[in-house]
Structure formats: structure tokens, C-alpha cells
Amino acid sequence: MKFYLKTFLFAYLYTLLAGFAIQFVILSYIFPQAHWGEGLMVGGDWIEFHKDALEVVSKIEKEGWSAWSLKPEPHYQVMAGITAFFYAFTGIKKPWIMLFYNAFFHAIAFLLLIRILEFFNLKRKYLVLACLPFLVFPSSLTWTSQIHRDGLYIAGIYFIFLGVVLTFKNRPVYAFFSNMAGILLLYLARPHMLIPLRYMLFSLFSVIFIYTFYWFIKHQRINKDNIKGFVSVFLVVILMTPLLPQTQTQIQTQTQIQTQTQVQWRKTPFIPEKIDNLFWNLAQTRQLFIYFFKNYPGNIDHDFIPHSAIDFVKYTPRAFQIGFFAPFPDMWFTKGGTATGTIARYITPFESMFIYVMLLVLPWAVYKLRREPALWFVVLICLVFIWLHVLSEPNVGPIYRKRYAFIMFMCAISVAYILSKKEVIKLVKKNSS
């Protein structure tokens, strides 16, 4: 506990100080062209969240707390509701008050990442260093120094990862609470991602069931740990069902604009209708994004409009190319749509080069840790979610932010394994001397 407490405080204080530096120094004096005001960057959703929160606070001051809502009008965004709560509760209507909230979730995610890697028998003394890029990469300042929901989303994903690992490690009770914590955070941040998560957890449920049955046939007795894991995942899948959002099919009938952008869809005969409908919903989401954001900088592959599940399968190699390697070198050190976007294009190349190297190491690291089924399953979740984010929002900006939890987990695995090998450490010392 002493190690975890020190690690959390280190991550929390770093994130908090970095956030204050961005809002009060860097934006005000170094990059004033990127400063919208109040410590917020130009061209981001955080401006909308801040304005909506101020309106809610004004209503609370007149009508009392009954005027507060987690998803207030007119945009129904959870970050507007959370921000309004902190503004009204503290009496401080400035974005800097949210830095304490941001730092908490970023530090929690950092701690969770370290804890997950510990279960793969990687050396603790190297884990903080291996996870440090997750903590300090400048792109994370988008949600740690501003008002954004990515901090909630990333912490939620890492709670799910920990729950999966704990399930494989026969700690079903802890796995249950970790999974439920992750589901709650995802429900707040990006509820639509609960749909693919449910399928992934159902796959985990199936794996445990098959393994339990195999164990019974082989040993002629029931493994109680496997049964507990089976029940734990089953309960999570059942309890998350009421939190699932309405499908895009239902949303599709609500506005004339969405009706105009419906994709002509061809059903694939050998795919179950429910699965085929999920692909159709994904195609509709992609088409809506292209319709509303067709002139945005950073758009990529807007000419790809899938009309069947097979089209998604054919596009998969390209989707992974974008998901892993975007922004591509031809976007580095170029002018963005806003001053903030331009600054990002001068920062992300250095992060991208690190990611490229770590992705080259990843297959070797996973192979060396191949006896860890939990790692295989978590990597599978990473691949599926990166794939879905690329398909649903064909713009490099959202893809880069939303893949962060997944890509940084894979990078941390690579770095931790490299640092844990004594021969590598000796080689580095020898070269430095």
C-alpha cells in the first residue's frame, strides 16, 4: 500500500501541476494564439462544457439543486453536468477547479496500469518507468488540463482490464467490483462503448465456461475457482444490461437529417441478424460523422462508406493501419485547423515515433508472455476497440485521443518487458560506460 500511495501522489501532483502550468502559464504567455480564455484552448468541446455548466450553475443559484442534471440541456453532455456540480459546490466558476478532478482520474488510471502489469510477473521496480509515457505524454494534457471525458473513459477501460486479469487470476470478487467500476465510468463517459464491451465480456464468460467444462472432463471434479469466475462475469454481463444505450437504429428515426444520411445496407446471409444490425448501426454512425464533420481538418478515408459487414472486414487492415500509426508522417509539422491543432501536430510526431518502436517490440513481448491468457484477452480488447473507434469517427484527432488507453497499454507492456530483461539493462550500462 505504501508503494501505491506514493505512486498515486506522484502521478496526482504531476498531473495537477502540469494542468495549472497549461492554464496559467503556457496558454497565457507562450501560446496565447491557442488560448480561448479562462485557461481553455481554442477549438475544443471543453468550451461548450464550460458554457453549459455556467448556465446550469445560474439555474441552481435561482432554483436550488433541483435544477442540476448530470446531462443538462441543450447538449446533454455528462461533463457539463459534472463541471456544473463542481462550480456550484465550490462557488468557483473557473475551469481550473476541474484540474483536481482531472488529476484524480489520470492518477488512478496510471496506478491501475501499473497494477495490471504486476500480474504478468514483470518487475515492479521497472513498472513506474514503463508506464511513465502514459502519464507524461503531452497529448494527455488535452483531457488533464481541460474539461473532457477522456479521463473517465481511460480509467474505466483500465478498471475493465484489471477485472479481466483478476478473473484469470482466480480473484472473482475483486474482478466483479473492478469490472462494475469500469462499466460505471464507461456509462458516464461513452455509454455506446458498453455495447461492444458486453460482447467482449460475454466472450470471456464463454472462455471460462469452456475451460471449466474441460477441467471437469479431465479431472472428474469441479474447480470452485473457475465456477466463481464464471458467476462473477455472468453477474457483470447481467447487471450492465440496463445501462446499455438505445441503438443507433432507434436514434435513426428521430431526425430528418439522420434519415437523409441513412446507408443503403446489404445483409450478409451467413451472419446472425443481430450482429449484422450492429454493423449497420456502425455504418450509420460513420455516415453521420462524415455528414456533420465533412470539412474538418484531420479527416481520413471519408470516401469509405460501408454497405455490408463484408465491407468492414475488407477495410480492417486499413483500419488497423490508421489506428496504430496515425497521424502519418505527412501530417507531422503541418498547420492544423486551429492554433491548438497546429501545436498538436508539432508534438504528436515525437509520441508517434515512440509508439512505432514499441509496437515493433510488442509481438516479441506478447510471445514471451504467451502463457498469460489474460494478456491475450486484454490485447484482443485493445484491438477491437481501436478498430471500432477508427470505423466510427474517421478523423485523426478523435482516433488519437480515444485509442490512448489501448495503445499506451501495449506500449507499457513492451517497455516493461524490455526493462525487465537483465541482459538489456547490462547492455545499456555497458554502452553508457
Protein backbone atom coordinates (compact mmCIF):
# COMPACT_ATOMS: atom_id res chain seq x y z
CA MET A 1 0.00 0.00 0.00
CA LYS A 2 2.89 2.35 0.69
CA PHE A 3 4.16 1.87 -2.88
CA TYR A 4 0.71 2.50 -4.35
CA LEU A 5 0.11 5.58 -2.21
CA LYS A 6 3.45 7.12 -3.18
CA THR A 7 2.84 6.31 -6.83
CA PHE A 8 -0.65 7.83 -6.77
CA LEU A 9 0.55 11.01 -5.07
CA PHE A 10 3.41 11.35 -7.55
CA ALA A 11 1.04 10.97 -10.51
CA TYR A 12 -1.61 13.23 -8.98
CA LEU A 13 0.75 16.08 -8.15
CA TYR A 14 2.48 15.91 -11.53
CA THR A 15 -0.83 15.98 -13.41
CA LEU A 16 -2.20 18.79 -11.23
CA LEU A 17 0.89 20.96 -11.62
CA ALA A 18 1.03 20.31 -15.38
CA GLY A 19 -2.62 21.37 -15.66
CA PHE A 20 -2.00 24.60 -13.76
CA ALA A 21 1.06 25.28 -15.92
CA ILE A 22 -1.00 24.87 -19.09
CA GLN A 23 -3.88 27.08 -17.95
CA PHE A 24 -1.95 29.87 -16.25
CA VAL A 25 1.45 29.99 -17.98
CA ILE A 26 1.74 28.15 -21.28
CA LEU A 27 -1.56 29.25 -22.81
CA SER A 28 -1.39 32.78 -21.42
CA TYR A 29 2.24 33.63 -22.20
CA ILE A 30 3.78 31.06 -24.58
CA PHE A 31 0.88 30.16 -26.90
CA PRO A 32 -1.65 32.99 -26.50
CA GLN A 33 -2.92 32.30 -30.02
CA ALA A 34 -4.22 28.95 -28.73
CA HIS A 35 -5.89 30.50 -25.66
CA TRP A 36 -9.67 30.89 -25.82
CA GLY A 37 -9.77 32.33 -22.31
CA GLU A 38 -10.25 31.05 -18.75
CA GLY A 39 -7.35 28.63 -19.27
CA LEU A 40 -9.13 26.78 -22.10
CA MET A 41 -7.70 26.00 -25.53
CA VAL A 42 -9.42 27.18 -28.68
CA GLY A 43 -11.43 24.76 -30.77
CA GLY A 44 -12.39 22.12 -28.21
CA ASP A 45 -15.53 20.61 -26.68
CA TRP A 46 -14.39 21.92 -23.29
CA ILE A 47 -15.61 25.39 -24.26
CA GLU A 48 -19.13 24.05 -24.77
CA PHE A 49 -18.95 22.12 -21.48
CA HIS A 50 -17.83 25.24 -19.64
CA LYS A 51 -20.60 27.41 -21.10
CA ASP A 52 -23.29 24.79 -20.43
CA ALA A 53 -22.02 24.41 -16.86
CA LEU A 54 -22.27 28.16 -16.25
CA GLU A 55 -25.91 28.10 -17.39
CA VAL A 56 -26.69 25.22 -15.03
CA VAL A 57 -24.99 27.00 -12.12
CA SER A 58 -27.04 30.10 -12.83
CA LYS A 59 -30.22 27.98 -12.60
CA ILE A 60 -29.00 26.34 -9.38
CA GLU A 61 -28.43 29.74 -7.81
CA LYS A 62 -32.02 30.72 -8.65
CA GLU A 63 -33.91 27.43 -8.20
CA GLY A 64 -31.68 25.32 -5.94
CA TRP A 65 -30.03 21.95 -6.54
CA SER A 66 -33.18 20.56 -8.14
CA ALA A 67 -32.06 22.42 -11.29
CA TRP A 68 -28.91 20.30 -11.53
CA SER A 69 -28.76 17.46 -14.02
CA LEU A 70 -25.97 15.04 -14.91
CA LYS A 71 -26.68 15.62 -18.60
CA PRO A 72 -28.10 19.14 -18.80
CA GLU A 73 -29.73 20.82 -21.77
CA PRO A 74 -29.11 21.76 -24.50
CA HIS A 75 -26.30 19.34 -25.38
CA TYR A 76 -26.88 16.66 -22.73
CA GLN A 77 -23.17 16.14 -22.07
CA VAL A 78 -22.10 14.48 -18.84
CA MET A 79 -19.01 16.70 -18.48
CA ALA A 80 -21.23 19.77 -18.46
CA GLY A 81 -23.18 18.27 -15.55
CA ILE A 82 -20.07 17.23 -13.62
CA THR A 83 -18.45 20.62 -14.18
CA ALA A 84 -21.62 22.41 -13.08
CA PHE A 85 -21.62 20.35 -9.88
CA PHE A 86 -18.07 21.42 -9.00
CA TYR A 87 -18.71 25.03 -9.99
CA ALA A 88 -21.83 25.21 -7.82
CA PHE A 89 -20.44 23.17 -4.91
CA THR A 90 -17.21 25.17 -4.57
CA GLY A 91 -18.58 28.53 -5.69
CA ILE A 92 -15.62 28.79 -8.08
CA LYS A 93 -16.85 29.09 -11.67
CA LYS A 94 -13.45 28.70 -13.28
CA PRO A 95 -12.13 25.72 -15.28
CA TRP A 96 -9.06 25.44 -13.06
CA ILE A 97 -11.19 23.92 -10.30
CA MET A 98 -11.65 20.87 -12.56
CA LEU A 99 -7.90 20.25 -12.58
CA PHE A 100 -8.20 18.48 -9.21
CA TYR A 101 -10.86 16.19 -10.68
CA ASN A 102 -8.82 15.56 -13.84
CA ALA A 103 -5.66 14.75 -11.89
CA PHE A 104 -7.52 12.21 -9.74
CA PHE A 105 -8.71 10.09 -12.67
CA HIS A 106 -5.43 10.35 -14.57
CA ALA A 107 -3.50 9.24 -11.47
CA ILE A 108 -5.98 6.40 -10.86
CA ALA A 109 -5.53 5.21 -14.45
CA PHE A 110 -1.73 5.36 -14.06
CA LEU A 111 -1.94 3.29 -10.86
CA LEU A 112 -4.29 0.77 -12.49
CA LEU A 113 -1.91 0.35 -15.41
CA ILE A 114 0.96 -0.44 -13.05
CA ARG A 115 -1.21 -2.88 -11.08
CA ILE A 116 -2.28 -4.70 -14.25
CA LEU A 117 1.32 -5.17 -15.39
CA GLU A 118 2.28 -6.54 -11.99
CA PHE A 119 0.07 -9.57 -12.61
CA PHE A 120 2.22 -10.52 -15.61
CA ASN A 121 5.24 -11.11 -13.36
CA LEU A 122 7.03 -8.03 -14.61
CA LYS A 123 9.43 -6.43 -12.17
CA ARG A 124 7.85 -3.70 -10.07
CA LYS A 125 10.95 -1.51 -10.00
CA TYR A 126 10.63 -1.04 -13.77
CA LEU A 127 6.85 -0.65 -13.94
CA VAL A 128 6.68 3.03 -12.98
CA LEU A 129 9.20 3.83 -15.70
CA ALA A 130 7.35 1.63 -18.20
CA CYS A 131 4.06 3.42 -17.50
CA LEU A 132 5.58 6.89 -17.35
CA PRO A 133 4.86 7.69 -21.04
CA PHE A 134 1.15 7.20 -20.30
CA LEU A 135 1.41 9.78 -17.53
CA VAL A 136 3.53 12.45 -19.21
CA PHE A 137 2.84 12.33 -22.95
CA PRO A 138 1.81 15.90 -23.92
CA SER A 139 -1.29 14.67 -25.76
CA SER A 140 -2.78 13.63 -22.40
CA LEU A 141 -2.90 17.32 -21.47
CA THR A 142 -5.92 17.55 -23.76
CA TRP A 143 -8.04 15.95 -21.04
CA THR A 144 -5.95 16.59 -17.91
CA SER A 145 -5.70 20.38 -18.37
CA GLN A 146 -9.10 20.90 -20.00
CA ILE A 147 -12.68 19.82 -19.30
CA HIS A 148 -13.07 16.48 -21.02
CA ARG A 149 -14.44 12.97 -20.54
CA ASP A 150 -11.38 11.06 -21.78
CA GLY A 151 -10.04 10.81 -18.23
CA LEU A 152 -13.21 8.99 -17.17
CA TYR A 153 -13.08 6.78 -20.25
CA ILE A 154 -9.43 5.76 -19.82
CA ALA A 155 -9.84 4.99 -16.10
CA GLY A 156 -12.95 2.96 -16.94
CA ILE A 157 -11.08 0.95 -19.57
CA TYR A 158 -8.25 0.17 -17.15
CA PHE A 159 -10.73 -0.95 -14.48
CA ILE A 160 -12.13 -3.36 -17.09
CA PHE A 161 -8.61 -4.58 -17.95
CA LEU A 162 -7.89 -5.17 -14.26
CA GLY A 163 -11.20 -7.00 -13.90
CA VAL A 164 -10.31 -9.29 -16.79
CA VAL A 165 -6.88 -10.01 -15.35
CA LEU A 166 -8.30 -10.68 -11.88
CA THR A 167 -10.80 -13.09 -13.40
CA PHE A 168 -8.00 -15.11 -14.99
CA LYS A 169 -6.02 -14.93 -11.75
CA ASN A 170 -8.94 -16.52 -9.81
CA ARG A 171 -9.89 -13.43 -7.82
CA PRO A 172 -13.57 -13.27 -8.81
CA VAL A 173 -14.83 -10.92 -6.09
CA TYR A 174 -12.23 -8.24 -6.83
CA ALA A 175 -12.79 -8.85 -10.55
CA PHE A 176 -16.52 -8.23 -10.15
CA PHE A 177 -16.09 -4.87 -8.40
CA SER A 178 -13.34 -3.78 -10.81
CA ASN A 179 -15.50 -4.60 -13.83
CA MET A 180 -18.51 -2.82 -12.35
CA ALA A 181 -16.41 0.28 -11.59
CA GLY A 182 -15.20 0.27 -15.20
CA ILE A 183 -18.71 -0.15 -16.55
CA LEU A 184 -19.98 2.77 -14.45
CA LEU A 185 -17.21 5.07 -15.72
CA LEU A 186 -17.80 4.00 -19.32
CA TYR A 187 -21.52 4.62 -18.85
CA LEU A 188 -20.72 8.17 -17.78
CA ALA A 189 -18.06 8.82 -20.42
CA ARG A 190 -19.06 6.88 -23.56
CA PRO A 191 -22.12 4.69 -22.94
CA HIS A 192 -22.20 3.44 -26.55
CA MET A 193 -18.92 1.59 -25.90
CA LEU A 194 -20.76 -0.63 -23.42
CA ILE A 195 -22.28 -2.46 -26.40
CA PRO A 196 -19.00 -3.93 -27.73
CA LEU A 197 -17.76 -4.35 -24.15
CA ARG A 198 -20.76 -6.56 -23.39
CA TYR A 199 -19.84 -8.81 -26.28
CA MET A 200 -16.23 -8.96 -25.11
CA LEU A 201 -17.29 -9.89 -21.57
CA PHE A 202 -19.68 -12.47 -22.96
CA SER A 203 -16.72 -13.93 -24.86
CA LEU A 204 -14.80 -14.05 -21.58
CA PHE A 205 -17.80 -15.79 -20.00
CA SER A 206 -17.73 -18.37 -22.81
CA VAL A 207 -13.98 -18.97 -22.42
CA ILE A 208 -14.35 -19.60 -18.69
CA PHE A 209 -17.32 -21.91 -19.31
CA ILE A 210 -15.40 -23.97 -21.87
CA TYR A 211 -12.34 -24.15 -19.62
CA THR A 212 -14.49 -25.18 -16.63
CA PHE A 213 -16.11 -27.94 -18.68
CA TYR A 214 -12.69 -29.11 -19.93
CA TRP A 215 -11.35 -29.16 -16.34
CA PHE A 216 -14.32 -31.25 -15.21
CA ILE A 217 -13.83 -33.79 -18.01
CA LYS A 218 -10.10 -34.04 -17.37
CA HIS A 219 -10.13 -34.19 -13.55
CA GLN A 220 -13.63 -35.54 -12.90
CA ARG A 221 -14.27 -32.83 -10.33
CA ILE A 222 -15.46 -29.21 -10.26
CA ASN A 223 -12.94 -26.40 -9.94
CA LYS A 224 -14.52 -23.96 -7.48
CA ASP A 225 -12.32 -21.07 -8.59
CA ASN A 226 -13.49 -21.47 -12.18
CA ILE A 227 -17.12 -21.56 -11.06
CA LYS A 228 -16.65 -18.37 -9.06
CA GLY A 229 -15.07 -16.65 -12.07
CA PHE A 230 -17.90 -17.91 -14.25
CA VAL A 231 -20.53 -16.49 -11.87
CA SER A 232 -18.62 -13.20 -11.48
CA VAL A 233 -18.54 -12.47 -15.21
CA PHE A 234 -22.13 -13.66 -15.64
CA LEU A 235 -23.33 -11.19 -13.00
CA VAL A 236 -21.39 -8.34 -14.62
CA VAL A 237 -22.97 -9.07 -18.02
CA ILE A 238 -26.45 -9.19 -16.49
CA LEU A 239 -26.05 -6.06 -14.35
CA MET A 240 -24.66 -3.94 -17.19
CA THR A 241 -27.67 -4.66 -19.43
CA PRO A 242 -29.89 -1.83 -18.07
CA LEU A 243 -27.07 0.64 -18.72
CA LEU A 244 -26.83 -0.16 -22.43
CA PRO A 245 -27.81 2.85 -24.57
CA GLN A 246 -30.50 2.81 -27.19
CA THR A 247 -29.26 1.51 -30.51
CA GLN A 248 -28.49 3.69 -33.49
CA THR A 249 -31.47 2.06 -35.21
CA GLN A 250 -33.78 3.79 -32.74
CA ILE A 251 -31.87 7.06 -32.93
CA GLN A 252 -32.02 6.90 -36.71
CA THR A 253 -35.76 7.60 -36.75
CA GLN A 254 -35.56 10.74 -34.65
CA THR A 255 -34.45 13.44 -37.06
CA GLN A 256 -34.88 14.21 -40.71
CA ILE A 257 -31.18 14.84 -41.16
CA GLN A 258 -30.32 11.38 -39.89
CA THR A 259 -32.93 9.87 -42.19
CA GLN A 260 -31.28 11.61 -45.13
CA THR A 261 -27.91 10.12 -44.27
CA GLN A 262 -29.05 6.50 -43.92
CA VAL A 263 -26.73 3.99 -45.57
CA GLN A 264 -28.12 1.57 -48.13
CA TRP A 265 -27.39 -1.72 -46.43
CA ARG A 266 -26.97 -5.25 -47.82
CA LYS A 267 -27.45 -8.02 -45.27
CA THR A 268 -24.84 -10.76 -45.12
CA PRO A 269 -26.67 -14.12 -45.15
CA PHE A 270 -24.24 -16.16 -43.01
CA ILE A 271 -24.03 -13.55 -40.19
CA PRO A 272 -26.71 -13.59 -37.44
CA GLU A 273 -29.18 -10.78 -37.92
CA LYS A 274 -28.38 -9.16 -34.56
CA ILE A 275 -24.67 -8.98 -35.41
CA ASP A 276 -25.44 -7.71 -38.89
CA ASN A 277 -27.60 -4.96 -37.39
CA LEU A 278 -24.71 -3.88 -35.17
CA PHE A 279 -22.55 -3.46 -38.26
CA TRP A 280 -25.35 -1.47 -39.89
CA ASN A 281 -25.54 0.77 -36.82
CA LEU A 282 -21.78 1.30 -37.04
CA ALA A 283 -22.09 2.23 -40.72
CA GLN A 284 -24.82 4.74 -39.85
CA THR A 285 -22.64 6.28 -37.13
CA ARG A 286 -19.76 6.65 -39.57
CA GLN A 287 -22.02 8.24 -42.18
CA LEU A 288 -23.42 10.71 -39.63
CA PHE A 289 -19.89 11.73 -38.61
CA ILE A 290 -18.94 12.27 -42.26
CA TYR A 291 -22.14 14.28 -42.83
CA PHE A 292 -21.66 16.63 -39.88
CA PHE A 293 -17.85 16.96 -39.97
CA LYS A 294 -17.08 16.74 -43.68
CA ASN A 295 -14.87 19.84 -43.76
CA TYR A 296 -12.89 19.22 -40.56
CA PRO A 297 -9.07 19.07 -40.67
CA GLY A 298 -7.72 15.65 -39.87
CA ASN A 299 -10.48 13.79 -41.70
CA ILE A 300 -9.33 10.48 -43.10
CA ASP A 301 -10.90 8.00 -45.54
CA HIS A 302 -14.22 9.82 -45.79
CA ASP A 303 -14.68 8.12 -49.14
CA PHE A 304 -15.16 4.77 -47.42
CA ILE A 305 -18.88 4.16 -46.82
CA PRO A 306 -19.54 0.52 -45.87
CA HIS A 307 -22.69 -1.10 -47.24
CA SER A 308 -22.31 -4.56 -45.70
CA ALA A 309 -20.48 -6.36 -42.93
CA ILE A 310 -18.09 -7.72 -45.56
CA ASP A 311 -17.05 -4.15 -46.40
CA PHE A 312 -15.96 -3.70 -42.78
CA VAL A 313 -13.93 -6.91 -42.92
CA LYS A 314 -12.19 -5.81 -46.12
CA TYR A 315 -11.39 -2.43 -44.57
CA THR A 316 -9.90 -3.94 -41.40
CA PRO A 317 -6.20 -3.86 -42.47
CA ARG A 318 -6.54 -0.17 -43.35
CA ALA A 319 -8.40 0.48 -40.08
CA PHE A 320 -5.54 -1.00 -38.06
CA GLN A 321 -3.02 0.96 -40.10
CA ILE A 322 -4.82 4.17 -39.11
CA GLY A 323 -5.48 3.04 -35.55
CA PHE A 324 -1.85 2.16 -34.84
CA PHE A 325 0.13 4.64 -36.94
CA ALA A 326 -1.93 7.81 -37.45
CA PRO A 327 -1.09 10.63 -37.59
CA PHE A 328 1.08 9.63 -40.53
CA PRO A 329 4.35 11.46 -41.29
CA ASP A 330 2.69 13.57 -44.00
CA MET A 331 0.64 15.22 -41.22
CA TRP A 332 3.62 15.93 -38.98
CA PHE A 333 4.76 19.53 -38.50
CA THR A 334 1.91 20.91 -40.62
CA LYS A 335 -0.75 23.55 -39.99
CA GLY A 336 -3.94 22.40 -38.28
CA GLY A 337 -7.44 23.83 -38.43
CA THR A 338 -6.84 25.80 -35.22
CA ALA A 339 -3.81 27.08 -33.32
CA THR A 340 -4.28 24.21 -30.88
CA GLY A 341 -4.34 21.72 -33.75
CA THR A 342 -1.12 23.16 -35.17
CA ILE A 343 0.63 22.82 -31.81
CA ALA A 344 -0.58 19.22 -31.57
CA ARG A 345 0.90 18.45 -34.99
CA TYR A 346 4.30 19.57 -33.72
CA ILE A 347 4.05 17.42 -30.58
CA THR A 348 2.49 14.14 -31.71
CA PRO A 349 5.33 13.15 -34.11
CA PHE A 350 7.63 12.51 -31.15
CA GLU A 351 4.95 10.45 -29.44
CA SER A 352 4.26 8.60 -32.68
CA MET A 353 7.90 7.60 -33.13
CA PHE A 354 7.95 6.14 -29.63
CA ILE A 355 4.72 4.25 -30.35
CA TYR A 356 6.11 2.88 -33.63
CA VAL A 357 9.16 1.42 -31.88
CA MET A 358 7.11 -0.08 -29.05
CA LEU A 359 4.65 -1.66 -31.48
CA LEU A 360 7.58 -3.37 -33.18
CA VAL A 361 8.60 -4.81 -29.81
CA LEU A 362 5.05 -5.80 -28.83
CA PRO A 363 4.76 -9.12 -30.74
CA TRP A 364 8.01 -10.32 -29.17
CA ALA A 365 6.90 -9.23 -25.69
CA VAL A 366 3.48 -10.90 -26.05
CA TYR A 367 5.13 -14.08 -27.32
CA LYS A 368 7.46 -14.18 -24.32
CA LEU A 369 4.43 -13.72 -22.07
CA ARG A 370 2.31 -16.17 -24.08
CA ARG A 371 1.48 -18.25 -21.00
CA GLU A 372 -0.58 -15.33 -19.68
CA PRO A 373 -4.08 -15.83 -21.17
CA ALA A 374 -5.25 -12.61 -19.50
CA LEU A 375 -2.73 -10.64 -21.57
CA TRP A 376 -4.01 -12.19 -24.80
CA PHE A 377 -7.58 -11.28 -23.92
CA VAL A 378 -6.74 -7.71 -22.93
CA VAL A 379 -4.77 -7.20 -26.16
CA LEU A 380 -7.79 -8.54 -28.05
CA ILE A 381 -9.99 -5.91 -26.35
CA CYS A 382 -7.45 -3.26 -27.37
CA LEU A 383 -7.57 -4.35 -31.00
CA VAL A 384 -11.38 -4.46 -31.12
CA PHE A 385 -11.84 -1.04 -29.52
CA ILE A 386 -9.19 0.63 -31.69
CA TRP A 387 -10.86 -0.89 -34.74
CA LEU A 388 -14.27 0.41 -33.65
CA HIS A 389 -13.01 3.94 -32.95
CA VAL A 390 -11.41 4.14 -36.39
CA LEU A 391 -14.58 2.91 -38.09
CA SER A 392 -16.98 5.17 -36.20
CA GLU A 393 -15.10 8.51 -36.32
CA PRO A 394 -12.87 8.88 -39.39
CA ASN A 395 -10.84 11.80 -38.06
CA VAL A 396 -7.29 11.52 -36.73
CA GLY A 397 -7.95 13.79 -33.73
CA PRO A 398 -10.68 11.70 -32.05
CA ILE A 399 -8.91 8.47 -33.02
CA TYR A 400 -5.66 9.62 -31.43
CA ARG A 401 -7.39 10.54 -28.16
CA LYS A 402 -9.69 7.54 -27.93
CA ARG A 403 -7.01 4.97 -28.68
CA TYR A 404 -4.78 6.34 -25.91
CA ALA A 405 -5.76 3.81 -23.23
CA PHE A 406 -5.24 0.90 -25.59
CA ILE A 407 -2.09 1.97 -27.40
CA MET A 408 -0.39 3.05 -24.19
CA PHE A 409 -1.20 -0.26 -22.53
CA MET A 410 0.53 -2.09 -25.38
CA CYS A 411 3.48 0.30 -25.24
CA ALA A 412 3.78 -0.19 -21.48
CA ILE A 413 3.90 -3.97 -21.97
CA SER A 414 6.76 -3.55 -24.44
CA VAL A 415 8.74 -1.14 -22.28
CA ALA A 416 8.22 -3.17 -19.08
CA TYR A 417 9.36 -6.37 -20.70
CA ILE A 418 12.46 -4.75 -22.20
CA LEU A 419 13.44 -3.18 -18.89
CA SER A 420 12.81 -6.42 -17.02
CA LYS A 421 15.45 -8.29 -19.02
CA LYS A 422 18.79 -8.17 -17.24
CA GLU A 423 20.77 -8.52 -20.42
CA VAL A 424 19.18 -5.36 -21.82
CA ILE A 425 19.99 -3.40 -18.66
CA LYS A 426 23.59 -4.64 -18.73
CA LEU A 427 23.92 -3.69 -22.39
CA VAL A 428 22.66 -0.17 -21.70
CA LYS A 429 25.12 0.22 -18.79
CA LYS A 430 27.98 -1.11 -20.88
CA ASN A 431 27.27 1.27 -23.76
CA SER A 432 26.89 4.25 -21.42
CA SER A 433 30.24 3.50 -19.74
